[in-house]
Amino acid sequence: VEVRVMSAHRTPDLAAEFSKNAKAEGFGVIIAAAGKA
């Protein structure tokens, strides 16, 4: 498991880039925890 902080609103490019590459990086599932919006 790898745990990271990314924001849909404050770091949208970082979140998109991570997600685009997650499968190639060996991830099988992504868990996303967020409050408010």
PDB file of all heavy atoms in Angstrom:
ATOM      1  N   VAL A   1       0.847  -1.194   0.000  1.00  0.00           N
ATOM      2  CA  VAL A   1       0.000   0.000   0.000  1.00  0.00           C
ATOM      3  C   VAL A   1       0.881   1.243   0.000  1.00  0.00           C
ATOM      4  O   VAL A   1       1.918   1.278   0.661  1.00  0.00           O
ATOM      5  CB  VAL A   1      -0.978  -0.004   1.203  1.00  0.00           C
ATOM      6  CG1 VAL A   1      -0.248  -0.062   2.519  1.00  0.00           C
ATOM      7  CG2 VAL A   1      -1.911   1.176   1.172  1.00  0.00           C
ATOM      8  N   GLU A   2       0.472   2.223  -0.780  1.00  0.00           N
ATOM      9  CA  GLU A   2       1.136   3.524  -0.780  1.00  0.00           C
ATOM     10  C   GLU A   2       0.099   4.574  -0.421  1.00  0.00           C
ATOM     11  O   GLU A   2      -1.016   4.547  -0.932  1.00  0.00           O
ATOM     12  CB  GLU A   2       1.747   3.825  -2.143  1.00  0.00           C
ATOM     13  CG  GLU A   2       2.921   2.919  -2.472  1.00  0.00           C
ATOM     14  CD  GLU A   2       3.615   3.284  -3.777  1.00  0.00           C
ATOM     15  OE1 GLU A   2       3.463   4.449  -4.240  1.00  0.00           O
ATOM     16  OE2 GLU A   2       4.298   2.400  -4.325  1.00  0.00           O
ATOM     17  N   VAL A   3       0.471   5.477   0.471  1.00  0.00           N
ATOM     18  CA  VAL A   3      -0.438   6.514   0.954  1.00  0.00           C
ATOM     19  C   VAL A   3       0.110   7.870   0.529  1.00  0.00           C
ATOM     20  O   VAL A   3       1.293   8.154   0.732  1.00  0.00           O
ATOM     21  CB  VAL A   3      -0.567   6.444   2.499  1.00  0.00           C
ATOM     22  CG1 VAL A   3      -1.549   7.489   2.994  1.00  0.00           C
ATOM     23  CG2 VAL A   3      -0.962   5.051   2.946  1.00  0.00           C
ATOM     24  N   ARG A   4      -0.756   8.678  -0.072  1.00  0.00           N
ATOM     25  CA  ARG A   4      -0.333   9.987  -0.575  1.00  0.00           C
ATOM     26  C   ARG A   4      -1.416  11.036  -0.331  1.00  0.00           C
ATOM     27  O   ARG A   4      -2.580  10.701  -0.176  1.00  0.00           O
ATOM     28  CB  ARG A   4      -0.057   9.920  -2.070  1.00  0.00           C
ATOM     29  CG  ARG A   4       1.026   8.911  -2.417  1.00  0.00           C
ATOM     30  CD  ARG A   4       1.313   8.898  -3.872  1.00  0.00           C
ATOM     31  NE  ARG A   4       2.225   7.802  -4.183  1.00  0.00           N
ATOM     32  CZ  ARG A   4       2.752   7.609  -5.361  1.00  0.00           C
ATOM     33  NH1 ARG A   4       2.480   8.434  -6.350  1.00  0.00           N
ATOM     34  NH2 ARG A   4       3.559   6.597  -5.580  1.00  0.00           N
ATOM     35  N   VAL A   5      -0.999  12.286  -0.320  1.00  0.00           N
ATOM     36  CA  VAL A   5      -1.925  13.418  -0.229  1.00  0.00           C
ATOM     37  C   VAL A   5      -1.965  14.101  -1.589  1.00  0.00           C
ATOM     38  O   VAL A   5      -0.919  14.450  -2.147  1.00  0.00           O
ATOM     39  CB  VAL A   5      -1.483  14.434   0.848  1.00  0.00           C
ATOM     40  CG1 VAL A   5      -2.378  15.664   0.827  1.00  0.00           C
ATOM     41  CG2 VAL A   5      -1.471  13.800   2.217  1.00  0.00           C
ATOM     42  N   MET A   6      -3.181  14.240  -2.135  1.00  0.00           N
ATOM     43  CA  MET A   6      -3.418  14.970  -3.378  1.00  0.00           C
ATOM     44  C   MET A   6      -4.795  15.587  -3.256  1.00  0.00           C
ATOM     45  O   MET A   6      -5.673  14.993  -2.662  1.00  0.00           O
ATOM     46  CB  MET A   6      -3.437  14.058  -4.595  1.00  0.00           C
ATOM     47  CG  MET A   6      -2.266  13.235  -4.788  1.00  0.00           C
ATOM     48  SD  MET A   6      -2.399  12.187  -6.213  1.00  0.00           S
ATOM     49  CE  MET A   6      -0.922  11.248  -5.866  1.00  0.00           C
ATOM     50  N   SER A   7      -4.973  16.703  -3.869  1.00  0.00           N
ATOM     51  CA  SER A   7      -6.256  17.380  -3.805  1.00  0.00           C
ATOM     52  C   SER A   7      -6.868  17.510  -5.191  1.00  0.00           C
ATOM     53  O   SER A   7      -6.177  17.882  -6.147  1.00  0.00           O
ATOM     54  CB  SER A   7      -6.071  18.772  -3.196  1.00  0.00           C
ATOM     55  OG  SER A   7      -7.255  19.530  -3.321  1.00  0.00           O
ATOM     56  N   ALA A   8      -8.152  17.193  -5.276  1.00  0.00           N
ATOM     57  CA  ALA A   8      -8.866  17.368  -6.539  1.00  0.00           C
ATOM     58  C   ALA A   8      -8.906  18.836  -6.943  1.00  0.00           C
ATOM     59  O   ALA A   8      -8.968  19.161  -8.133  1.00  0.00           O
ATOM     60  CB  ALA A   8     -10.292  16.836  -6.407  1.00  0.00           C
ATOM     61  N   HIS A   9      -8.834  19.724  -5.964  1.00  0.00           N
ATOM     62  CA  HIS A   9      -8.977  21.154  -6.236  1.00  0.00           C
ATOM     63  C   HIS A   9      -7.660  21.913  -6.172  1.00  0.00           C
ATOM     64  O   HIS A   9      -7.437  22.834  -6.954  1.00  0.00           O
ATOM     65  CB  HIS A   9      -9.972  21.766  -5.244  1.00  0.00           C
ATOM     66  CG  HIS A   9     -11.294  21.082  -5.292  1.00  0.00           C
ATOM     67  ND1 HIS A   9     -11.734  20.241  -4.282  1.00  0.00           N
ATOM     68  CD2 HIS A   9     -12.259  21.070  -6.241  1.00  0.00           C
ATOM     69  CE1 HIS A   9     -12.925  19.759  -4.610  1.00  0.00           C
ATOM     70  NE2 HIS A   9     -13.262  20.234  -5.791  1.00  0.00           N
ATOM     71  N   ARG A  10      -6.785  21.546  -5.255  1.00  0.00           N
ATOM     72  CA  ARG A  10      -5.528  22.286  -5.096  1.00  0.00           C
ATOM     73  C   ARG A  10      -4.395  21.708  -5.944  1.00  0.00           C
ATOM     74  O   ARG A  10      -3.470  22.436  -6.312  1.00  0.00           O
ATOM     75  CB  ARG A  10      -5.145  22.340  -3.621  1.00  0.00           C
ATOM     76  CG  ARG A  10      -6.113  23.189  -2.794  1.00  0.00           C
ATOM     77  CD  ARG A  10      -5.715  23.253  -1.327  1.00  0.00           C
ATOM     78  NE  ARG A  10      -5.840  21.975  -0.656  1.00  0.00           N
ATOM     79  CZ  ARG A  10      -6.940  21.525  -0.049  1.00  0.00           C
ATOM     80  NH1 ARG A  10      -8.030  22.271  -0.040  1.00  0.00           N
ATOM     81  NH2 ARG A  10      -6.966  20.350   0.549  1.00  0.00           N
ATOM     82  N   THR A  11      -4.449  20.403  -6.240  1.00  0.00           N
ATOM     83  CA  THR A  11      -3.423  19.782  -7.095  1.00  0.00           C
ATOM     84  C   THR A  11      -4.086  18.877  -8.140  1.00  0.00           C
ATOM     85  O   THR A  11      -3.783  17.687  -8.231  1.00  0.00           O
ATOM     86  CB  THR A  11      -2.410  18.964  -6.258  1.00  0.00           C
ATOM     87  OG1 THR A  11      -3.113  17.920  -5.564  1.00  0.00           O
ATOM     88  CG2 THR A  11      -1.648  19.822  -5.274  1.00  0.00           C
ATOM     89  N   PRO A  12      -4.987  19.416  -8.942  1.00  0.00           N
ATOM     90  CA  PRO A  12      -5.701  18.567  -9.904  1.00  0.00           C
ATOM     91  C   PRO A  12      -4.779  17.913 -10.934  1.00  0.00           C
ATOM     92  O   PRO A  12      -5.011  16.775 -11.336  1.00  0.00           O
ATOM     93  CB  PRO A  12      -6.700  19.520 -10.562  1.00  0.00           C
ATOM     94  CG  PRO A  12      -6.129  20.879 -10.362  1.00  0.00           C
ATOM     95  CD  PRO A  12      -5.390  20.816  -9.046  1.00  0.00           C
ATOM     96  N   ASP A  13      -3.743  18.620 -11.365  1.00  0.00           N
ATOM     97  CA  ASP A  13      -2.817  18.041 -12.340  1.00  0.00           C
ATOM     98  C   ASP A  13      -2.060  16.861 -11.742  1.00  0.00           C
ATOM     99  O   ASP A  13      -1.865  15.835 -12.401  1.00  0.00           O
ATOM    100  CB  ASP A  13      -1.830  19.090 -12.854  1.00  0.00           C
ATOM    101  CG  ASP A  13      -2.509  20.178 -13.674  1.00  0.00           C
ATOM    102  OD1 ASP A  13      -3.619  19.931 -14.194  1.00  0.00           O
ATOM    103  OD2 ASP A  13      -1.929  21.274 -13.793  1.00  0.00           O
ATOM    104  N   LEU A  14      -1.640  16.996 -10.493  1.00  0.00           N
ATOM    105  CA  LEU A  14      -0.938  15.907  -9.802  1.00  0.00           C
ATOM    106  C   LEU A  14      -1.850  14.692  -9.653  1.00  0.00           C
ATOM    107  O   LEU A  14      -1.434  13.551  -9.906  1.00  0.00           O
ATOM    108  CB  LEU A  14      -0.452  16.379  -8.425  1.00  0.00           C
ATOM    109  CG  LEU A  14       0.276  15.359  -7.561  1.00  0.00           C
ATOM    110  CD1 LEU A  14       1.587  14.932  -8.206  1.00  0.00           C
ATOM    111  CD2 LEU A  14       0.544  15.948  -6.176  1.00  0.00           C
ATOM    112  N   ALA A  15      -3.096  14.923  -9.261  1.00  0.00           N
ATOM    113  CA  ALA A  15      -4.054  13.817  -9.096  1.00  0.00           C
ATOM    114  C   ALA A  15      -4.301  13.120 -10.426  1.00  0.00           C
ATOM    115  O   ALA A  15      -4.306  11.881 -10.510  1.00  0.00           O
ATOM    116  CB  ALA A  15      -5.364  14.340  -8.503  1.00  0.00           C
ATOM    117  N   ALA A  16      -4.497  13.893 -11.492  1.00  0.00           N
ATOM    118  CA  ALA A  16      -4.736  13.311 -12.813  1.00  0.00           C
ATOM    119  C   ALA A  16      -3.525  12.520 -13.287  1.00  0.00           C
ATOM    120  O   ALA A  16      -3.664  11.408 -13.808  1.00  0.00           O
ATOM    121  CB  ALA A  16      -5.086  14.410 -13.811  1.00  0.00           C
ATOM    122  N   GLU A  17      -2.343  13.071 -13.115  1.00  0.00           N
ATOM    123  CA  GLU A  17      -1.115  12.400 -13.545  1.00  0.00           C
ATOM    124  C   GLU A  17      -0.912  11.091 -12.785  1.00  0.00           C
ATOM    125  O   GLU A  17      -0.570  10.062 -13.375  1.00  0.00           O
ATOM    126  CB  GLU A  17       0.086  13.333 -13.351  1.00  0.00           C
ATOM    127  CG  GLU A  17       1.362  12.844 -13.992  1.00  0.00           C
ATOM    128  CD  GLU A  17       1.296  12.799 -15.512  1.00  0.00           C
ATOM    129  OE1 GLU A  17       0.480  13.521 -16.119  1.00  0.00           O
ATOM    130  OE2 GLU A  17       2.056  12.023 -16.109  1.00  0.00           O
ATOM    131  N   PHE A  18      -1.132  11.116 -11.473  1.00  0.00           N
ATOM    132  CA  PHE A  18      -1.004   9.889 -10.689  1.00  0.00           C
ATOM    133  C   PHE A  18      -1.966   8.827 -11.217  1.00  0.00           C
ATOM    134  O   PHE A  18      -1.588   7.676 -11.449  1.00  0.00           O
ATOM    135  CB  PHE A  18      -1.278  10.140  -9.201  1.00  0.00           C
ATOM    136  CG  PHE A  18      -1.352   8.860  -8.430  1.00  0.00           C
ATOM    137  CD1 PHE A  18      -0.190   8.239  -8.011  1.00  0.00           C
ATOM    138  CD2 PHE A  18      -2.562   8.246  -8.178  1.00  0.00           C
ATOM    139  CE1 PHE A  18      -0.239   7.014  -7.344  1.00  0.00           C
ATOM    140  CE2 PHE A  18      -2.634   7.034  -7.523  1.00  0.00           C
ATOM    141  CZ  PHE A  18      -1.463   6.416  -7.096  1.00  0.00           C
ATOM    142  N   SER A  19      -3.213   9.208 -11.386  1.00  0.00           N
ATOM    143  CA  SER A  19      -4.240   8.268 -11.802  1.00  0.00           C
ATOM    144  C   SER A  19      -3.961   7.701 -13.195  1.00  0.00           C
ATOM    145  O   SER A  19      -4.142   6.504 -13.434  1.00  0.00           O
ATOM    146  CB  SER A  19      -5.599   8.962 -11.757  1.00  0.00           C
ATOM    147  OG  SER A  19      -6.629   8.028 -11.922  1.00  0.00           O
ATOM    148  N   LYS A  20      -3.508   8.544 -14.111  1.00  0.00           N
ATOM    149  CA  LYS A  20      -3.189   8.094 -15.468  1.00  0.00           C
ATOM    150  C   LYS A  20      -2.110   7.018 -15.472  1.00  0.00           C
ATOM    151  O   LYS A  20      -2.116   6.129 -16.318  1.00  0.00           O
ATOM    152  CB  LYS A  20      -2.711   9.271 -16.322  1.00  0.00           C
ATOM    153  CG  LYS A  20      -3.788  10.207 -16.763  1.00  0.00           C
ATOM    154  CD  LYS A  20      -3.187  11.366 -17.544  1.00  0.00           C
ATOM    155  CE  LYS A  20      -4.215  12.436 -17.805  1.00  0.00           C
ATOM    156  NZ  LYS A  20      -3.637  13.612 -18.464  1.00  0.00           N
ATOM    157  N   ASN A  21      -1.172   7.114 -14.537  1.00  0.00           N
ATOM    158  CA  ASN A  21      -0.029   6.209 -14.501  1.00  0.00           C
ATOM    159  C   ASN A  21      -0.155   5.087 -13.482  1.00  0.00           C
ATOM    160  O   ASN A  21       0.735   4.237 -13.393  1.00  0.00           O
ATOM    161  CB  ASN A  21       1.246   7.012 -14.211  1.00  0.00           C
ATOM    162  CG  ASN A  21       1.540   7.986 -15.327  1.00  0.00           C
ATOM    163  OD1 ASN A  21       1.516   7.634 -16.498  1.00  0.00           O
ATOM    164  ND2 ASN A  21       1.788   9.241 -14.961  1.00  0.00           N
ATOM    165  N   ALA A  22      -1.226   5.060 -12.705  1.00  0.00           N
ATOM    166  CA  ALA A  22      -1.346   4.105 -11.592  1.00  0.00           C
ATOM    167  C   ALA A  22      -1.270   2.649 -12.043  1.00  0.00           C
ATOM    168  O   ALA A  22      -0.587   1.839 -11.421  1.00  0.00           O
ATOM    169  CB  ALA A  22      -2.639   4.367 -10.815  1.00  0.00           C
ATOM    170  N   LYS A  23      -1.949   2.314 -13.102  1.00  0.00           N
ATOM    171  CA  LYS A  23      -1.938   0.923 -13.580  1.00  0.00           C
ATOM    172  C   LYS A  23      -0.522   0.515 -13.981  1.00  0.00           C
ATOM    173  O   LYS A  23      -0.047  -0.555 -13.590  1.00  0.00           O
ATOM    174  CB  LYS A  23      -2.916   0.758 -14.745  1.00  0.00           C
ATOM    175  CG  LYS A  23      -3.116  -0.674 -15.167  1.00  0.00           C
ATOM    176  CD  LYS A  23      -4.220  -0.771 -16.219  1.00  0.00           C
ATOM    177  CE  LYS A  23      -4.500  -2.211 -16.560  1.00  0.00           C
ATOM    178  NZ  LYS A  23      -5.578  -2.312 -17.567  1.00  0.00           N
ATOM    179  N   ALA A  24       0.153   1.349 -14.725  1.00  0.00           N
ATOM    180  CA  ALA A  24       1.524   1.057 -15.157  1.00  0.00           C
ATOM    181  C   ALA A  24       2.483   0.978 -13.976  1.00  0.00           C
ATOM    182  O   ALA A  24       3.504   0.278 -14.038  1.00  0.00           O
ATOM    183  CB  ALA A  24       2.000   2.110 -16.147  1.00  0.00           C
ATOM    184  N   GLU A  25       2.155   1.663 -12.894  1.00  0.00           N
ATOM    185  CA  GLU A  25       2.992   1.657 -11.691  1.00  0.00           C
ATOM    186  C   GLU A  25       2.709   0.465 -10.780  1.00  0.00           C
ATOM    187  O   GLU A  25       3.252   0.375  -9.684  1.00  0.00           O
ATOM    188  CB  GLU A  25       2.808   2.965 -10.914  1.00  0.00           C
ATOM    189  CG  GLU A  25       3.287   4.199 -11.653  1.00  0.00           C
ATOM    190  CD  GLU A  25       4.803   4.251 -11.789  1.00  0.00           C
ATOM    191  OE1 GLU A  25       5.510   3.750 -10.899  1.00  0.00           O
ATOM    192  OE2 GLU A  25       5.278   4.785 -12.819  1.00  0.00           O
ATOM    193  N   GLY A  26       1.807  -0.441 -11.201  1.00  0.00           N
ATOM    194  CA  GLY A  26       1.559  -1.666 -10.438  1.00  0.00           C
ATOM    195  C   GLY A  26       0.403  -1.607  -9.462  1.00  0.00           C
ATOM    196  O   GLY A  26       0.223  -2.510  -8.658  1.00  0.00           O
ATOM    197  N   PHE A  27      -0.400  -0.558  -9.536  1.00  0.00           N
ATOM    198  CA  PHE A  27      -1.568  -0.466  -8.665  1.00  0.00           C
ATOM    199  C   PHE A  27      -2.723  -1.258  -9.266  1.00  0.00           C
ATOM    200  O   PHE A  27      -2.856  -1.345 -10.486  1.00  0.00           O
ATOM    201  CB  PHE A  27      -1.985   0.992  -8.445  1.00  0.00           C
ATOM    202  CG  PHE A  27      -0.997   1.775  -7.633  1.00  0.00           C
ATOM    203  CD1 PHE A  27      -0.038   2.559  -8.253  1.00  0.00           C
ATOM    204  CD2 PHE A  27      -1.004   1.703  -6.251  1.00  0.00           C
ATOM    205  CE1 PHE A  27       0.895   3.262  -7.509  1.00  0.00           C
ATOM    206  CE2 PHE A  27      -0.071   2.403  -5.491  1.00  0.00           C
ATOM    207  CZ  PHE A  27       0.883   3.186  -6.126  1.00  0.00           C
ATOM    208  N   GLY A  28      -3.549  -1.835  -8.399  1.00  0.00           N
ATOM    209  CA  GLY A  28      -4.724  -2.571  -8.841  1.00  0.00           C
ATOM    210  C   GLY A  28      -6.015  -1.910  -8.435  1.00  0.00           C
ATOM    211  O   GLY A  28      -7.055  -2.132  -9.049  1.00  0.00           O
ATOM    212  N   VAL A  29      -5.972  -1.092  -7.395  1.00  0.00           N
ATOM    213  CA  VAL A  29      -7.142  -0.395  -6.868  1.00  0.00           C
ATOM    214  C   VAL A  29      -6.661   0.932  -6.283  1.00  0.00           C
ATOM    215  O   VAL A  29      -5.561   1.012  -5.722  1.00  0.00           O
ATOM    216  CB  VAL A  29      -7.859  -1.209  -5.762  1.00  0.00           C
ATOM    217  CG1 VAL A  29      -9.045  -0.448  -5.188  1.00  0.00           C
ATOM    218  CG2 VAL A  29      -8.302  -2.575  -6.264  1.00  0.00           C
ATOM    219  N   ILE A  30      -7.507   1.942  -6.391  1.00  0.00           N
ATOM    220  CA  ILE A  30      -7.238   3.238  -5.765  1.00  0.00           C
ATOM    221  C   ILE A  30      -8.353   3.507  -4.760  1.00  0.00           C
ATOM    222  O   ILE A  30      -9.531   3.384  -5.086  1.00  0.00           O
ATOM    223  CB  ILE A  30      -7.202   4.372  -6.801  1.00  0.00           C
ATOM    224  CG1 ILE A  30      -6.089   4.138  -7.827  1.00  0.00           C
ATOM    225  CG2 ILE A  30      -7.032   5.732  -6.105  1.00  0.00           C
ATOM    226  CD1 ILE A  30      -6.120   5.116  -8.999  1.00  0.00           C
ATOM    227  N   ILE A  31      -7.962   3.867  -3.548  1.00  0.00           N
ATOM    228  CA  ILE A  31      -8.909   4.311  -2.522  1.00  0.00           C
ATOM    229  C   ILE A  31      -8.709   5.815  -2.366  1.00  0.00           C
ATOM    230  O   ILE A  31      -7.581   6.278  -2.206  1.00  0.00           O
ATOM    231  CB  ILE A  31      -8.671   3.583  -1.181  1.00  0.00           C
ATOM    232  CG1 ILE A  31      -8.942   2.087  -1.328  1.00  0.00           C
ATOM    233  CG2 ILE A  31      -9.534   4.192  -0.075  1.00  0.00           C
ATOM    234  CD1 ILE A  31      -8.588   1.267  -0.098  1.00  0.00           C
ATOM    235  N   ALA A  32      -9.805   6.559  -2.430  1.00  0.00           N
ATOM    236  CA  ALA A  32      -9.746   8.016  -2.335  1.00  0.00           C
ATOM    237  C   ALA A  32     -10.578   8.496  -1.155  1.00  0.00           C
ATOM    238  O   ALA A  32     -11.773   8.239  -1.096  1.00  0.00           O
ATOM    239  CB  ALA A  32     -10.270   8.646  -3.627  1.00  0.00           C
ATOM    240  N   ALA A  33      -9.952   9.185  -0.225  1.00  0.00           N
ATOM    241  CA  ALA A  33     -10.651   9.712   0.948  1.00  0.00           C
ATOM    242  C   ALA A  33     -10.670  11.223   0.886  1.00  0.00           C
ATOM    243  O   ALA A  33      -9.623  11.858   0.759  1.00  0.00           O
ATOM    244  CB  ALA A  33      -9.960   9.252   2.228  1.00  0.00           C
ATOM    245  N   ALA A  34     -11.880  11.791   0.959  1.00  0.00           N
ATOM    246  CA  ALA A  34     -11.994  13.247   0.915  1.00  0.00           C
ATOM    247  C   ALA A  34     -13.258  13.691   1.631  1.00  0.00           C
ATOM    248  O   ALA A  34     -14.255  12.973   1.655  1.00  0.00           O
ATOM    249  CB  ALA A  34     -12.008  13.740  -0.533  1.00  0.00           C
ATOM    250  N   GLY A  35     -13.198  14.873   2.191  1.00  0.00           N
ATOM    251  CA  GLY A  35     -14.352  15.450   2.858  1.00  0.00           C
ATOM    252  C   GLY A  35     -14.908  16.616   2.064  1.00  0.00           C
ATOM    253  O   GLY A  35     -14.416  16.956   0.991  1.00  0.00           O
ATOM    254  N   LYS A  36     -15.948  17.198   2.606  1.00  0.00           N
ATOM    255  CA  LYS A  36     -16.637  18.351   2.029  1.00  0.00           C
ATOM    256  C   LYS A  36     -17.035  18.090   0.584  1.00  0.00           C
ATOM    257  O   LYS A  36     -17.816  17.198   0.314  1.00  0.00           O
ATOM    258  CB  LYS A  36     -15.809  19.611   2.214  1.00  0.00           C
ATOM    259  CG  LYS A  36     -15.589  19.910   3.695  1.00  0.00           C
ATOM    260  CD  LYS A  36     -14.960  21.234   3.932  1.00  0.00           C
ATOM    261  CE  LYS A  36     -14.784  21.413   5.437  1.00  0.00           C
ATOM    262  NZ  LYS A  36     -14.330  22.706   5.802  1.00  0.00           N
ATOM    263  N   ALA A  37     -16.493  18.818  -0.389  1.00  0.00           N
ATOM    264  CA  ALA A  37     -16.898  18.636  -1.787  1.00  0.00           C
ATOM    265  C   ALA A  37     -16.532  17.248  -2.307  1.00  0.00           C
ATOM    266  O   ALA A  37     -17.200  16.723  -3.184  1.00  0.00           O
ATOM    267  CB  ALA A  37     -16.275  19.711  -2.665  1.00  0.00           C
TER     268      ALA A  37
END
